[in-house]
Amino acid sequence: MSSNSAPKVGVIMGSKSDWPVMEHAAAMLDRLGVAYETRVVSAHRTPDLLFDYAKGAAERGLQVIVAGAGGAAHLPGMVASQTPLPVLGVPVESKALKGLDSLLSIAQMPGGIAVGTLAIGKAGATNAGLLAAQIVGLQDPAVREAVDAFRAEQTRTVLDNPDPRPDAE
């Protein structure tokens, strides 16, 4: 997103290798006109950075954080423990357990530390971007209108193409 706008959403991930999934959250935010920042923040390799990032997020003007992580997937929960902002967790598919380990790690937070958990992989990242935009849209009418237009486009696409056969017009 253009650097002309202060970021409203933080899109973070535990490793650079998570970007092929998390770029779908960024693409949705771009599509809906929501300013965001993105960076690698590792719960295990850079815990001090994680704490600084999470503790300073609201002060920097962020309204929501989208955190993607694979494997042990501690990033979303650790971020949520350090900020009052909503945190949306995206489980990134792992090689060993196909992302089920990540999903369970993010979803099974103790009571009192809330993380909104999305689907594993691309769909989860896409929906995390959409949900982050909906949260920002609570206070930004332009973003709310962009979300409404996106939904109307989805409806139109289905209604204009009711025949599921690939060669149907």
Protein backbone atom coordinates (compact mmCIF):
# COMPACT_ATOMS: atom_id res chain seq x y z
CA MET A 1 0.00 0.00 0.00
CA SER A 2 1.13 3.50 -0.69
CA SER A 3 3.34 5.10 1.91
CA ASN A 4 1.17 8.25 1.59
CA SER A 5 -1.22 6.74 4.16
CA ALA A 6 -0.35 5.74 7.70
CA PRO A 7 -0.74 1.97 8.04
CA LYS A 8 -3.89 0.77 9.78
CA VAL A 9 -3.03 -2.94 9.63
CA GLY A 10 0.14 -4.79 10.50
CA VAL A 11 0.75 -7.92 8.42
CA ILE A 12 3.46 -9.91 10.15
CA MET A 13 4.83 -13.41 9.80
CA GLY A 14 7.25 -15.62 11.64
CA SER A 15 9.53 -16.20 8.66
CA LYS A 16 10.20 -14.84 5.19
CA SER A 17 9.11 -18.26 3.89
CA ASP A 18 5.55 -17.43 5.08
CA TRP A 19 5.21 -14.61 2.51
CA PRO A 20 3.74 -16.79 -0.29
CA VAL A 21 0.74 -17.30 2.01
CA MET A 22 0.65 -13.90 3.71
CA GLU A 23 0.87 -11.98 0.44
CA HIS A 24 -2.81 -12.90 -0.01
CA ALA A 25 -3.72 -10.84 3.06
CA ALA A 26 -1.72 -7.94 1.62
CA ALA A 27 -3.40 -8.35 -1.78
CA MET A 28 -6.86 -8.14 -0.20
CA LEU A 29 -5.87 -5.04 1.77
CA ASP A 30 -4.53 -3.48 -1.44
CA ARG A 31 -7.75 -4.33 -3.26
CA LEU A 32 -9.82 -2.67 -0.53
CA GLY A 33 -7.56 0.39 -0.22
CA VAL A 34 -6.34 -0.27 3.32
CA ALA A 35 -2.87 0.98 4.24
CA TYR A 36 -0.70 -1.65 5.90
CA GLU A 37 2.83 -2.47 6.90
CA THR A 38 4.47 -5.86 6.55
CA ARG A 39 7.50 -7.47 8.15
CA VAL A 40 8.99 -10.61 9.59
CA VAL A 41 8.68 -10.81 13.38
CA SER A 42 9.75 -14.18 14.75
CA ALA A 43 8.38 -15.29 18.13
CA HIS A 44 11.36 -17.58 18.63
CA ARG A 45 14.27 -15.83 16.91
CA THR A 46 13.39 -12.19 17.70
CA PRO A 47 11.27 -12.15 20.88
CA ASP A 48 12.38 -8.64 21.89
CA LEU A 49 11.35 -7.32 18.46
CA LEU A 50 8.00 -9.11 18.82
CA PHE A 51 7.34 -7.44 22.18
CA ASP A 52 8.40 -3.99 20.90
CA TYR A 53 6.30 -4.38 17.75
CA ALA A 54 3.17 -5.49 19.60
CA LYS A 55 3.46 -3.01 22.46
CA GLY A 56 3.96 -0.07 20.09
CA ALA A 57 1.41 -1.05 17.43
CA ALA A 58 -1.56 0.97 18.72
CA GLU A 59 0.64 4.01 19.38
CA ARG A 60 1.82 3.84 15.74
CA GLY A 61 -1.81 3.97 14.59
CA LEU A 62 -2.42 0.33 13.76
CA GLN A 63 -5.98 -0.86 14.36
CA VAL A 64 -5.52 -4.60 13.80
CA ILE A 65 -2.67 -7.08 13.34
CA VAL A 66 -2.71 -10.06 10.98
CA ALA A 67 -0.11 -12.60 12.14
CA GLY A 68 0.81 -15.66 10.10
CA ALA A 69 2.85 -18.51 11.49
CA GLY A 70 3.57 -22.16 10.84
CA GLY A 71 4.59 -25.11 12.98
CA ALA A 72 4.50 -24.18 16.65
CA ALA A 73 2.82 -20.93 15.51
CA HIS A 74 3.38 -18.90 18.67
CA LEU A 75 3.47 -15.52 16.92
CA PRO A 76 -0.26 -14.63 16.94
CA GLY A 77 -0.75 -15.54 20.59
CA MET A 78 2.40 -13.84 21.79
CA VAL A 79 1.46 -10.68 19.88
CA ALA A 80 -2.06 -10.80 21.34
CA SER A 81 -0.56 -11.04 24.84
CA GLN A 82 1.29 -7.76 24.28
CA THR A 83 -1.32 -5.52 22.59
CA PRO A 84 -4.94 -4.47 23.13
CA LEU A 85 -5.50 -4.55 19.34
CA PRO A 86 -7.41 -7.35 17.63
CA VAL A 87 -5.04 -10.05 16.35
CA LEU A 88 -6.03 -12.30 13.46
CA GLY A 89 -4.03 -15.52 13.25
CA VAL A 90 -3.31 -17.24 9.94
CA PRO A 91 -2.04 -20.81 10.20
CA VAL A 92 0.63 -21.37 7.57
CA GLU A 93 0.82 -24.88 6.15
CA SER A 94 3.70 -26.89 7.54
CA LYS A 95 5.42 -29.79 5.84
CA ALA A 96 4.96 -32.30 8.64
CA LEU A 97 1.29 -31.86 9.49
CA LYS A 98 -0.12 -29.79 6.58
CA GLY A 99 -0.86 -26.82 8.85
CA LEU A 100 -3.01 -28.67 11.36
CA ASP A 101 -0.32 -28.09 13.99
CA SER A 102 -0.35 -24.37 13.21
CA LEU A 103 -4.15 -24.21 13.29
CA LEU A 104 -4.40 -25.91 16.67
CA SER A 105 -1.60 -23.81 18.15
CA ILE A 106 -3.30 -20.58 17.12
CA ALA A 107 -6.87 -21.66 17.92
CA GLN A 108 -6.15 -23.12 21.37
CA MET A 109 -5.39 -19.88 23.19
CA PRO A 110 -6.05 -19.72 26.92
CA GLY A 111 -9.09 -17.76 28.02
CA GLY A 112 -8.26 -14.07 28.27
CA ILE A 113 -5.82 -13.92 25.33
CA ALA A 114 -8.02 -13.73 22.23
CA VAL A 115 -6.79 -14.50 18.72
CA GLY A 116 -9.25 -14.66 15.84
CA THR A 117 -8.15 -17.78 13.97
CA LEU A 118 -8.67 -18.12 10.21
CA ALA A 119 -8.36 -21.07 7.84
CA ILE A 120 -5.04 -22.67 6.96
CA GLY A 121 -3.11 -21.12 4.08
CA LYS A 122 -4.22 -18.88 1.21
CA ALA A 123 -7.94 -18.82 2.08
CA GLY A 124 -7.13 -17.90 5.67
CA ALA A 125 -4.76 -15.12 4.63
CA THR A 126 -7.28 -13.75 2.13
CA ASN A 127 -10.03 -13.76 4.74
CA ALA A 128 -7.71 -12.24 7.34
CA GLY A 129 -7.14 -9.32 4.98
CA LEU A 130 -10.89 -9.00 4.43
CA LEU A 131 -11.68 -9.23 8.14
CA ALA A 132 -8.97 -6.67 8.95
CA ALA A 133 -10.55 -4.33 6.39
CA GLN A 134 -13.97 -4.87 7.98
CA ILE A 135 -12.50 -3.91 11.37
CA VAL A 136 -10.88 -0.78 9.91
CA GLY A 137 -14.16 -0.06 8.11
CA LEU A 138 -15.94 0.33 11.44
CA GLN A 139 -14.32 3.78 11.64
CA ASP A 140 -13.46 4.46 7.99
CA PRO A 141 -16.46 4.86 5.66
CA ALA A 142 -14.32 4.60 2.50
CA VAL A 143 -13.03 1.18 3.56
CA ARG A 144 -16.55 0.07 4.53
CA GLU A 145 -17.76 1.10 1.05
CA ALA A 146 -14.88 -0.84 -0.55
CA VAL A 147 -15.87 -3.95 1.43
CA ASP A 148 -19.51 -3.50 0.38
CA ALA A 149 -18.45 -3.14 -3.28
CA PHE A 150 -16.29 -6.28 -3.02
CA ARG A 151 -19.21 -8.28 -1.65
CA ALA A 152 -21.55 -6.94 -4.34
CA GLU A 153 -19.03 -7.98 -7.00
CA GLN A 154 -18.89 -11.50 -5.56
CA THR A 155 -22.69 -11.71 -5.67
CA ARG A 156 -22.79 -10.40 -9.24
CA THR A 157 -20.18 -12.93 -10.37
CA VAL A 158 -22.24 -15.84 -9.04
CA LEU A 159 -25.54 -14.54 -10.42
CA ASP A 160 -24.02 -13.78 -13.84
CA ASN A 161 -22.49 -17.27 -14.09
CA PRO A 162 -25.02 -19.78 -12.74
CA ASP A 163 -23.93 -22.69 -14.96
CA PRO A 164 -20.97 -24.52 -13.37
CA ARG A 165 -19.81 -26.22 -16.58
CA PRO A 166 -16.49 -24.81 -17.83
CA ASP A 167 -17.68 -24.45 -21.45
CA ALA A 168 -21.02 -22.80 -20.59
CA GLU A 169 -21.50 -19.15 -21.33
